[in-house]
C-alpha atoms as a PDB file:
ATOM      1  CA  MET A   1     -15.991  -8.540   9.176  1.00  0.00           C
ATOM      2  CA  LYS A   2     -16.163  -7.996   5.421  1.00  0.00           C
ATOM      3  CA  GLN A   3     -15.894  -4.701   3.615  1.00  0.00           C
ATOM      4  CA  SER A   4     -18.746  -4.233   1.124  1.00  0.00           C
ATOM      5  CA  ALA A   5     -17.328  -1.299  -0.866  1.00  0.00           C
ATOM      6  CA  TYR A   6     -14.143   0.689  -1.321  1.00  0.00           C
ATOM      7  CA  LEU A   7     -13.808   3.605   1.092  1.00  0.00           C
ATOM      8  CA  VAL A   8     -11.883   5.712  -1.441  1.00  0.00           C
ATOM      9  CA  GLU A   9     -11.978   5.656  -5.219  1.00  0.00           C
ATOM     10  CA  GLY A  10      -9.986   6.558  -8.292  1.00  0.00           C
ATOM     11  CA  ALA A  11      -6.314   7.519  -8.337  1.00  0.00           C
ATOM     12  CA  GLY A  12      -4.351   8.748  -5.332  1.00  0.00           C
ATOM     13  CA  LEU A  13      -1.025  10.370  -4.521  1.00  0.00           C
ATOM     14  CA  GLY A  14       1.224   9.872  -1.521  1.00  0.00           C
ATOM     15  CA  LEU A  15       1.652  13.187   0.311  1.00  0.00           C
ATOM     16  CA  ARG A  16       5.225  13.614   1.529  1.00  0.00           C
ATOM     17  CA  ARG A  17       6.472  16.581   3.529  1.00  0.00           C
ATOM     18  CA  ALA A  18       8.649  17.720   0.638  1.00  0.00           C
ATOM     19  CA  LEU A  19       5.510  17.989  -1.511  1.00  0.00           C
ATOM     20  CA  LEU A  20       3.501  20.188   0.850  1.00  0.00           C
ATOM     21  CA  GLY A  21       4.758  23.409  -0.709  1.00  0.00           C
ATOM     22  CA  PRO A  22       4.962  22.352  -4.380  1.00  0.00           C
ATOM     23  CA  LEU A  23       1.417  20.920  -4.355  1.00  0.00           C
ATOM     24  CA  GLN A  24      -0.187  23.789  -2.475  1.00  0.00           C
ATOM     25  CA  ASP A  25      -1.162  25.950  -5.447  1.00  0.00           C
ATOM     26  CA  CYS A  26      -1.408  23.252  -8.132  1.00  0.00           C
ATOM     27  CA  ASP A  27      -4.444  21.966  -9.985  1.00  0.00           C
ATOM     28  CA  LEU A  28      -4.980  18.664  -8.198  1.00  0.00           C
ATOM     29  CA  SER A  29      -8.339  17.878  -9.750  1.00  0.00           C
ATOM     30  CA  GLN A  30      -7.048  14.512 -10.997  1.00  0.00           C
ATOM     31  CA  VAL A  31      -6.029  13.419  -7.459  1.00  0.00           C
ATOM     32  CA  ASP A  32      -8.956  11.603  -5.852  1.00  0.00           C
ATOM     33  CA  PHE A  33      -7.341  10.776  -2.502  1.00  0.00           C
ATOM     34  CA  MET A  34      -4.053  11.111  -0.629  1.00  0.00           C
ATOM     35  CA  GLU A  35      -1.996   9.045   1.777  1.00  0.00           C
ATOM     36  CA  VAL A  36       0.388   9.820   4.628  1.00  0.00           C
ATOM     37  CA  ALA A  37       2.336   7.747   7.124  1.00  0.00           C
ATOM     38  CA  PRO A  38       0.811   8.715  10.494  1.00  0.00           C
ATOM     39  CA  ASP A  39       4.094   7.840  12.219  1.00  0.00           C
ATOM     40  CA  ASN A  40       5.623  10.915  10.557  1.00  0.00           C
ATOM     41  CA  TRP A  41       2.790  13.267  11.544  1.00  0.00           C
ATOM     42  CA  ILE A  42       1.551  12.364  15.011  1.00  0.00           C
ATOM     43  CA  GLY A  43       2.259  15.340  17.270  1.00  0.00           C
ATOM     44  CA  VAL A  44       3.383  17.612  14.430  1.00  0.00           C
ATOM     45  CA  GLY A  45       2.005  21.127  14.779  1.00  0.00           C
ATOM     46  CA  GLY A  46       2.979  24.581  13.629  1.00  0.00           C
ATOM     47  CA  ARG A  47       3.334  25.341   9.932  1.00  0.00           C
ATOM     48  CA  PHE A  48       3.604  21.711   8.859  1.00  0.00           C
ATOM     49  CA  GLY A  49       0.602  20.742  10.943  1.00  0.00           C
ATOM     50  CA  ARG A  50      -1.475  23.507   9.381  1.00  0.00           C
ATOM     51  CA  GLN A  51      -0.392  22.500   5.886  1.00  0.00           C
ATOM     52  CA  LEU A  52      -1.345  18.896   6.523  1.00  0.00           C
ATOM     53  CA  ARG A  53      -4.722  19.931   7.873  1.00  0.00           C
ATOM     54  CA  ALA A  54      -5.358  21.969   4.711  1.00  0.00           C
ATOM     55  CA  PHE A  55      -4.911  18.819   2.648  1.00  0.00           C
ATOM     56  CA  THR A  56      -6.875  16.479   4.941  1.00  0.00           C
ATOM     57  CA  GLU A  57      -9.796  18.918   4.875  1.00  0.00           C
ATOM     58  CA  ARG A  58      -9.664  19.007   1.078  1.00  0.00           C
ATOM     59  CA  PHE A  59      -9.125  15.347   0.121  1.00  0.00           C
ATOM     60  CA  PRO A  60     -10.191  11.914   1.321  1.00  0.00           C
ATOM     61  CA  PHE A  61      -7.185  10.390   3.116  1.00  0.00           C
ATOM     62  CA  VAL A  62      -5.779   6.956   3.793  1.00  0.00           C
ATOM     63  CA  CYS A  63      -2.853   6.169   6.093  1.00  0.00           C
ATOM     64  CA  HIS A  64      -0.024   3.692   5.590  1.00  0.00           C
ATOM     65  CA  GLY A  65       1.900   2.935   8.772  1.00  0.00           C
ATOM     66  CA  LEU A  66       5.642   2.373   9.043  1.00  0.00           C
ATOM     67  CA  SER A  67       6.468   1.324  12.588  1.00  0.00           C
ATOM     68  CA  LEU A  68       3.741  -0.844  14.095  1.00  0.00           C
ATOM     69  CA  SER A  69       6.017  -3.865  13.609  1.00  0.00           C
ATOM     70  CA  LEU A  70       3.244  -6.433  13.339  1.00  0.00           C
ATOM     71  CA  GLY A  71       5.724  -9.290  13.034  1.00  0.00           C
ATOM     72  CA  GLY A  72       8.178  -8.044  15.664  1.00  0.00           C
ATOM     73  CA  PRO A  73       9.246  -9.982  18.768  1.00  0.00           C
ATOM     74  CA  GLU A  74       8.341  -7.190  21.201  1.00  0.00           C
ATOM     75  CA  PRO A  75       4.813  -6.645  22.563  1.00  0.00           C
ATOM     76  CA  LEU A  76       2.541  -4.437  20.495  1.00  0.00           C
ATOM     77  CA  ASP A  77       2.907  -0.779  21.441  1.00  0.00           C
ATOM     78  CA  GLU A  78      -0.727  -0.265  22.402  1.00  0.00           C
ATOM     79  CA  THR A  79      -0.126   3.308  23.532  1.00  0.00           C
ATOM     80  CA  PHE A  80       1.156   4.097  20.059  1.00  0.00           C
ATOM     81  CA  ILE A  81      -1.842   2.354  18.474  1.00  0.00           C
ATOM     82  CA  ARG A  82      -4.174   4.558  20.535  1.00  0.00           C
ATOM     83  CA  ARG A  83      -2.293   7.617  19.290  1.00  0.00           C
ATOM     84  CA  ILE A  84      -2.765   6.352  15.745  1.00  0.00           C
ATOM     85  CA  ARG A  85      -6.489   5.980  16.401  1.00  0.00           C
ATOM     86  CA  HIS A  86      -6.663   9.588  17.583  1.00  0.00           C
ATOM     87  CA  PHE A  87      -4.840  10.749  14.432  1.00  0.00           C
ATOM     88  CA  LEU A  88      -7.144   8.730  12.165  1.00  0.00           C
ATOM     89  CA  GLU A  89     -10.239  10.113  13.870  1.00  0.00           C
ATOM     90  CA  THR A  90      -8.940  13.705  13.919  1.00  0.00           C
ATOM     91  CA  HIS A  91      -8.267  13.710  10.176  1.00  0.00           C
ATOM     92  CA  LYS A  92     -11.239  11.491   9.245  1.00  0.00           C
ATOM     93  CA  VAL A  93      -8.918   8.950   7.637  1.00  0.00           C
ATOM     94  CA  ARG A  94     -10.864   6.348   5.713  1.00  0.00           C
ATOM     95  CA  VAL A  95      -8.406   3.428   5.615  1.00  0.00           C
ATOM     96  CA  TYR A  96      -5.404   2.465   7.730  1.00  0.00           C
ATOM     97  CA  THR A  97      -2.842  -0.046   6.487  1.00  0.00           C
ATOM     98  CA  GLU A  98       0.472  -1.483   7.641  1.00  0.00           C
ATOM     99  CA  HIS A  99       3.261  -3.676   6.283  1.00  0.00           C
ATOM    100  CA  LEU A 100       3.347  -7.437   6.661  1.00  0.00           C
ATOM    101  CA  SER A 101       6.803  -7.192   8.194  1.00  0.00           C
ATOM    102  CA  TYR A 102       8.569  -6.026  11.340  1.00  0.00           C
ATOM    103  CA  CYS A 103      10.884  -3.145  12.148  1.00  0.00           C
ATOM    104  CA  THR A 104      11.732  -3.399  15.865  1.00  0.00           C
ATOM    105  CA  ASP A 105      13.882  -5.646  18.034  1.00  0.00           C
ATOM    106  CA  GLY A 106      15.157  -3.848  21.100  1.00  0.00           C
ATOM    107  CA  GLY A 107      14.710  -0.590  19.179  1.00  0.00           C
ATOM    108  CA  HIS A 108      13.805   0.575  15.705  1.00  0.00           C
ATOM    109  CA  LEU A 109      15.702  -1.114  12.873  1.00  0.00           C
ATOM    110  CA  TYR A 110      14.733   1.585  10.335  1.00  0.00           C
ATOM    111  CA  ASP A 111      13.963  -1.044   7.733  1.00  0.00           C
ATOM    112  CA  LEU A 112      11.163  -3.505   6.955  1.00  0.00           C
ATOM    113  CA  MET A 113      12.380  -6.969   7.871  1.00  0.00           C
ATOM    114  CA  PRO A 114      10.834 -10.168   6.458  1.00  0.00           C
ATOM    115  CA  ILE A 115       8.676 -12.330   8.705  1.00  0.00           C
ATOM    116  CA  PRO A 116       9.505 -16.055   8.399  1.00  0.00           C
ATOM    117  CA  PHE A 117       6.920 -17.819   6.235  1.00  0.00           C
ATOM    118  CA  THR A 118       5.860 -20.334   8.876  1.00  0.00           C
ATOM    119  CA  GLU A 119       2.593 -21.514  10.405  1.00  0.00           C
ATOM    120  CA  GLU A 120       3.728 -20.276  13.815  1.00  0.00           C
ATOM    121  CA  ALA A 121       4.309 -16.804  12.367  1.00  0.00           C
ATOM    122  CA  VAL A 122       0.871 -16.851  10.732  1.00  0.00           C
ATOM    123  CA  HIS A 123      -0.809 -17.355  14.117  1.00  0.00           C
ATOM    124  CA  TYR A 124       1.441 -14.812  15.822  1.00  0.00           C
ATOM    125  CA  VAL A 125       0.969 -12.023  13.272  1.00  0.00           C
ATOM    126  CA  ALA A 126      -2.743 -12.690  12.787  1.00  0.00           C
ATOM    127  CA  GLY A 127      -3.282 -12.346  16.530  1.00  0.00           C
ATOM    128  CA  ARG A 128      -1.471  -9.008  16.573  1.00  0.00           C
ATOM    129  CA  ILE A 129      -3.509  -7.768  13.626  1.00  0.00           C
ATOM    130  CA  ARG A 130      -6.753  -8.744  15.355  1.00  0.00           C
ATOM    131  CA  ARG A 131      -5.658  -6.914  18.513  1.00  0.00           C
ATOM    132  CA  THR A 132      -4.735  -3.837  16.465  1.00  0.00           C
ATOM    133  CA  GLN A 133      -8.168  -3.864  14.833  1.00  0.00           C
ATOM    134  CA  GLU A 134      -9.792  -4.075  18.258  1.00  0.00           C
ATOM    135  CA  LEU A 135      -7.818  -1.088  19.548  1.00  0.00           C
ATOM    136  CA  LEU A 136      -8.477   0.980  16.424  1.00  0.00           C
ATOM    137  CA  ASN A 137     -12.100  -0.133  16.217  1.00  0.00           C
ATOM    138  CA  ARG A 138     -11.745  -0.628  12.458  1.00  0.00           C
ATOM    139  CA  ARG A 139     -10.488  -3.062   9.870  1.00  0.00           C
ATOM    140  CA  ILE A 140      -6.937  -2.555   8.689  1.00  0.00           C
ATOM    141  CA  GLY A 141      -5.235  -3.501   5.465  1.00  0.00           C
ATOM    142  CA  ILE A 142      -1.968  -5.436   5.314  1.00  0.00           C
ATOM    143  CA  GLU A 143       0.484  -4.777   2.487  1.00  0.00           C
ATOM    144  CA  ASN A 144       2.393  -7.478   0.640  1.00  0.00           C
ATOM    145  CA  VAL A 145       5.980  -6.295   1.056  1.00  0.00           C
ATOM    146  CA  SER A 146       9.200  -6.529  -0.910  1.00  0.00           C
ATOM    147  CA  TYR A 147      11.815  -8.760   0.717  1.00  0.00           C
ATOM    148  CA  TYR A 148      15.305  -9.918  -0.163  1.00  0.00           C
ATOM    149  CA  ALA A 149      15.650 -13.107   1.896  1.00  0.00           C
ATOM    150  CA  ALA A 150      13.226 -15.694   3.261  1.00  0.00           C
ATOM    151  CA  PRO A 151      14.873 -17.172   6.383  1.00  0.00           C
ATOM    152  CA  GLY A 152      13.248 -20.300   7.806  1.00  0.00           C
ATOM    153  CA  ALA A 153      10.506 -20.454   5.171  1.00  0.00           C
ATOM    154  CA  GLU A 154       8.128 -23.417   5.494  1.00  0.00           C
ATOM    155  CA  MET A 155       5.557 -22.136   3.012  1.00  0.00           C
ATOM    156  CA  SER A 156       5.509 -19.808   0.032  1.00  0.00           C
ATOM    157  CA  GLU A 157       5.055 -16.051   0.252  1.00  0.00           C
ATOM    158  CA  LEU A 158       1.638 -16.387  -1.369  1.00  0.00           C
ATOM    159  CA  GLU A 159       0.520 -19.077   1.080  1.00  0.00           C
ATOM    160  CA  PHE A 160       1.740 -16.955   3.973  1.00  0.00           C
ATOM    161  CA  ILE A 161      -0.123 -13.807   2.880  1.00  0.00           C
ATOM    162  CA  ASN A 162      -3.350 -15.704   2.283  1.00  0.00           C
ATOM    163  CA  ALA A 163      -3.127 -17.495   5.617  1.00  0.00           C
ATOM    164  CA  VAL A 164      -2.487 -14.288   7.573  1.00  0.00           C
ATOM    165  CA  VAL A 165      -5.320 -12.240   6.089  1.00  0.00           C
ATOM    166  CA  GLU A 166      -7.738 -15.160   6.427  1.00  0.00           C
ATOM    167  CA  GLU A 167      -6.933 -15.841  10.081  1.00  0.00           C
ATOM    168  CA  ALA A 168      -6.756 -12.154  11.000  1.00  0.00           C
ATOM    169  CA  ASP A 169      -9.878 -11.339   8.950  1.00  0.00           C
ATOM    170  CA  CYS A 170      -8.285  -8.147   7.655  1.00  0.00           C
ATOM    171  CA  ASP A 171      -8.010  -6.423   4.295  1.00  0.00           C
ATOM    172  CA  LEU A 172      -5.198  -6.402   1.739  1.00  0.00           C
ATOM    173  CA  LEU A 173      -3.269  -3.391   0.483  1.00  0.00           C
ATOM    174  CA  LEU A 174      -2.160  -4.706  -2.900  1.00  0.00           C
ATOM    175  CA  ASP A 175       1.258  -3.337  -3.847  1.00  0.00           C
ATOM    176  CA  VAL A 176       1.729  -4.152  -7.524  1.00  0.00           C
ATOM    177  CA  ASN A 177       5.324  -2.969  -7.656  1.00  0.00           C
ATOM    178  CA  ASN A 178       6.267  -5.233  -4.736  1.00  0.00           C
ATOM    179  CA  ILE A 179       4.892  -8.235  -6.620  1.00  0.00           C
ATOM    180  CA  TYR A 180       7.021  -7.344  -9.623  1.00  0.00           C
ATOM    181  CA  VAL A 181      10.131  -6.713  -7.501  1.00  0.00           C
ATOM    182  CA  ASN A 182       9.771 -10.019  -5.658  1.00  0.00           C
ATOM    183  CA  SER A 183       9.041 -11.924  -8.864  1.00  0.00           C
ATOM    184  CA  VAL A 184      12.402 -10.829 -10.281  1.00  0.00           C
ATOM    185  CA  ASN A 185      14.363 -11.274  -7.059  1.00  0.00           C
ATOM    186  CA  HIS A 186      12.880 -14.666  -6.207  1.00  0.00           C
ATOM    187  CA  GLY A 187      12.143 -16.028  -9.648  1.00  0.00           C
ATOM    188  CA  TYR A 188       8.383 -16.489  -9.829  1.00  0.00           C
ATOM    189  CA  ASP A 189       5.614 -15.569 -12.273  1.00  0.00           C
ATOM    190  CA  PRO A 190       4.073 -12.261 -11.111  1.00  0.00           C
ATOM    191  CA  VAL A 191       0.755 -12.857 -12.888  1.00  0.00           C
ATOM    192  CA  GLU A 192       0.281 -16.287 -11.334  1.00  0.00           C
ATOM    193  CA  PHE A 193       1.145 -14.817  -7.930  1.00  0.00           C
ATOM    194  CA  LEU A 194      -1.342 -12.008  -8.468  1.00  0.00           C
ATOM    195  CA  LYS A 195      -4.123 -14.440  -9.405  1.00  0.00           C
ATOM    196  CA  GLY A 196      -3.592 -16.318  -6.142  1.00  0.00           C
ATOM    197  CA  LEU A 197      -4.294 -13.311  -3.915  1.00  0.00           C
ATOM    198  CA  PRO A 198      -7.683 -12.748  -2.226  1.00  0.00           C
ATOM    199  CA  GLY A 199      -9.010  -9.987  -4.460  1.00  0.00           C
ATOM    200  CA  GLU A 200     -12.173  -9.620  -2.394  1.00  0.00           C
ATOM    201  CA  ARG A 201     -10.045  -8.268   0.456  1.00  0.00           C
ATOM    202  CA  ILE A 202      -8.340  -5.456  -1.498  1.00  0.00           C
ATOM    203  CA  CYS A 203      -8.950  -2.068   0.139  1.00  0.00           C
ATOM    204  CA  TYR A 204      -6.757  -0.142  -2.330  1.00  0.00           C
ATOM    205  CA  GLY A 205      -3.514  -0.551  -4.227  1.00  0.00           C
ATOM    206  CA  HIS A 206      -0.019   0.907  -4.494  1.00  0.00           C
ATOM    207  CA  ILE A 207       2.109   1.449  -7.557  1.00  0.00           C
ATOM    208  CA  ALA A 208       5.666   2.782  -7.472  1.00  0.00           C
ATOM    209  CA  GLY A 209       9.079   2.848  -9.066  1.00  0.00           C
ATOM    210  CA  HIS A 210      12.205   0.913  -8.122  1.00  0.00           C
ATOM    211  CA  TYR A 211      15.937   0.619  -8.821  1.00  0.00           C
ATOM    212  CA  SER A 212      17.419  -2.204 -10.893  1.00  0.00           C
ATOM    213  CA  GLU A 213      20.701  -3.171  -9.222  1.00  0.00           C
ATOM    214  CA  ALA A 214      21.267  -6.111 -11.573  1.00  0.00           C
ATOM    215  CA  GLU A 215      19.331  -8.318 -13.969  1.00  0.00           C
ATOM    216  CA  ASP A 216      18.151 -10.461 -11.068  1.00  0.00           C
ATOM    217  CA  LEU A 217      18.118  -7.872  -8.265  1.00  0.00           C
ATOM    218  CA  ILE A 218      15.640  -5.009  -7.912  1.00  0.00           C
ATOM    219  CA  VAL A 219      15.517  -2.675  -4.928  1.00  0.00           C
ATOM    220  CA  ASP A 220      12.133  -1.244  -3.958  1.00  0.00           C
ATOM    221  CA  THR A 221      12.983   2.447  -3.586  1.00  0.00           C
ATOM    222  CA  HIS A 222       9.896   4.528  -4.520  1.00  0.00           C
ATOM    223  CA  GLY A 223      12.443   6.920  -6.001  1.00  0.00           C
ATOM    224  CA  ALA A 224      11.839   6.562  -9.741  1.00  0.00           C
ATOM    225  CA  GLY A 225       9.091   6.488 -12.315  1.00  0.00           C
ATOM    226  CA  VAL A 226       6.881   3.436 -12.717  1.00  0.00           C
ATOM    227  CA  ILE A 227       8.154   1.124 -15.480  1.00  0.00           C
ATOM    228  CA  ASP A 228       6.069  -0.410 -18.264  1.00  0.00           C
ATOM    229  CA  ASN A 229       6.163  -3.928 -16.784  1.00  0.00           C
ATOM    230  CA  VAL A 230       4.608  -2.652 -13.558  1.00  0.00           C
ATOM    231  CA  TRP A 231       1.917  -0.727 -15.435  1.00  0.00           C
ATOM    232  CA  ALA A 232       1.134  -3.930 -17.327  1.00  0.00           C
ATOM    233  CA  LEU A 233       0.858  -5.833 -14.050  1.00  0.00           C
ATOM    234  CA  LEU A 234      -1.522  -3.189 -12.704  1.00  0.00           C
ATOM    235  CA  ASP A 235      -3.727  -3.682 -15.749  1.00  0.00           C
ATOM    236  CA  GLU A 236      -3.634  -7.423 -15.109  1.00  0.00           C
ATOM    237  CA  ALA A 237      -4.693  -6.787 -11.511  1.00  0.00           C
ATOM    238  CA  TYR A 238      -7.681  -4.766 -12.756  1.00  0.00           C
ATOM    239  CA  HIS A 239      -8.478  -7.608 -15.151  1.00  0.00           C
ATOM    240  CA  CYS A 240      -8.369 -10.159 -12.318  1.00  0.00           C
ATOM    241  CA  PHE A 241     -10.167  -8.202  -9.594  1.00  0.00           C
ATOM    242  CA  GLY A 242     -11.894  -5.266 -11.269  1.00  0.00           C
ATOM    243  CA  VAL A 243     -10.767  -1.665 -10.926  1.00  0.00           C
ATOM    244  CA  PHE A 244      -9.759  -0.750  -7.379  1.00  0.00           C
ATOM    245  CA  PRO A 245      -8.476   2.562  -5.951  1.00  0.00           C
ATOM    246  CA  THR A 246      -4.752   2.881  -6.652  1.00  0.00           C
ATOM    247  CA  LEU A 247      -2.180   5.297  -5.242  1.00  0.00           C
ATOM    248  CA  LEU A 248       1.166   6.447  -6.604  1.00  0.00           C
ATOM    249  CA  GLU A 249       4.011   6.257  -4.072  1.00  0.00           C
ATOM    250  CA  ARG A 250       7.030   8.505  -4.520  1.00  0.00           C
ATOM    251  CA  ASP A 251       9.326   9.052  -1.522  1.00  0.00           C
ATOM    252  CA  PHE A 252      12.326  10.955  -2.943  1.00  0.00           C
ATOM    253  CA  ASN A 253      13.935  12.094  -6.216  1.00  0.00           C
ATOM    254  CA  PHE A 254      10.729  14.012  -6.796  1.00  0.00           C
ATOM    255  CA  PRO A 255      10.199  15.095 -10.404  1.00  0.00           C
ATOM    256  CA  PRO A 256       8.479  18.377 -11.301  1.00  0.00           C
ATOM    257  CA  VAL A 257       4.880  18.326 -10.105  1.00  0.00           C
ATOM    258  CA  PRO A 258       3.443  18.085 -13.665  1.00  0.00           C
ATOM    259  CA  ASP A 259       5.444  14.877 -14.202  1.00  0.00           C
ATOM    260  CA  LEU A 260       4.238  13.462 -10.899  1.00  0.00           C
ATOM    261  CA  LEU A 261       0.637  14.250 -11.752  1.00  0.00           C
ATOM    262  CA  ALA A 262       1.130  12.713 -15.196  1.00  0.00           C
ATOM    263  CA  GLU A 263       1.743   9.367 -13.487  1.00  0.00           C
ATOM    264  CA  VAL A 264      -1.427   9.820 -11.462  1.00  0.00           C
ATOM    265  CA  GLN A 265      -3.204  10.431 -14.754  1.00  0.00           C
ATOM    266  CA  LEU A 266      -1.763   7.158 -16.080  1.00  0.00           C
ATOM    267  CA  ILE A 267      -3.535   5.389 -13.208  1.00  0.00           C
ATOM    268  CA  HIS A 268      -6.774   7.049 -14.315  1.00  0.00           C
ATOM    269  CA  ALA A 269      -6.102   5.951 -17.891  1.00  0.00           C
ATOM    270  CA  ALA A 270      -5.502   2.353 -16.823  1.00  0.00           C
ATOM    271  CA  GLN A 271      -8.690   2.365 -14.769  1.00  0.00           C
ATOM    272  CA  ALA A 272     -10.748   3.901 -17.579  1.00  0.00           C
ATOM    273  CA  GLY A 273      -9.273   1.523 -20.134  1.00  0.00           C
ATOM    274  CA  ARG A 274     -10.212  -1.503 -18.064  1.00  0.00           C
ATOM    275  CA  GLU A 275     -13.702  -0.174 -17.300  1.00  0.00           C
ATOM    276  CA  ASN A 276     -14.323   0.562 -20.997  1.00  0.00           C
ATOM    277  CA  HIS A 277     -13.045  -2.870 -21.973  1.00  0.00           C
ATOM    278  CA  ASP A 278     -15.263  -4.598 -19.424  1.00  0.00           C
ATOM    279  CA  ALA A 279     -18.292  -2.524 -20.470  1.00  0.00           C
ATOM    280  CA  LYS A 280     -18.134  -3.565 -24.148  1.00  0.00           C
ATOM    281  CA  PRO A 281     -20.866  -5.975 -25.271  1.00  0.00           C
ATOM    282  CA  GLN A 282     -19.645  -9.545 -25.607  1.00  0.00           C
ATOM    283  CA  GLY A 283     -18.217 -10.165 -29.043  1.00  0.00           C
ATOM    284  CA  GLN A 284     -17.634  -6.482 -29.845  1.00  0.00           C
ATOM    285  CA  ARG A 285     -14.405  -5.952 -31.689  1.00  0.00           C
ATOM    286  CA  THR A 286     -11.620  -3.795 -30.323  1.00  0.00           C
ATOM    287  CA  ALA A 287      -9.565  -1.553 -32.537  1.00  0.00           C
END
């Protein structure tokens, strides 16, 4: 299975419940698509359900799961996966993605835990991804995650990601901020890491803000504005792989809506800048 074209395009915005009201009467013409976590919306009706439906009928949507626990020790929750499928079909969701991590072990851990970078884990996770794709009857994308420890590692993070998506034959949700966060926390070159990813598998991208705890420790929070170094890495990603759909994640500490939309517009500007650069005849000077 290989995806021939992106299923969404342009610049997107993560729709959080706290934004339902503030975004309702705004000019959202610069938002090309939106994203929700289906885990937070399955079974939700009433006022919130109606508000969500108003957005899903207006915009193309993608979904980014939180609790499938693809690397977890417990059996896949196939009943839950079927409920996800129903949600995706009901709202005509174009892409479904999940984290390359786990979040359950005898119950929900309410955090994204790192999967050991081992060959055994590659086979285990890839098998669970394939089964998930069978149950959903669609490809899924797997996100490169931020992590703060690598217990039992037998290969690098980059080798692990590449091996999983190849064996599972799935897509990649490229989170640019997570690359930057991990590069600081684990001391590697983010551009070299980026270049090693399978760009042909990208279904869309994420960009977000974080919190700098110390010079060598960044916490991936999605609670602040995107910094210049992350914007620069996004531009490098466009340079490496071409322009791909990219979504702004913001989970709390929401700024005024105009400021939030200004960051979405910065995604548009980065995409347009790269497209204009690539369209220039060879040898043409830049200003």
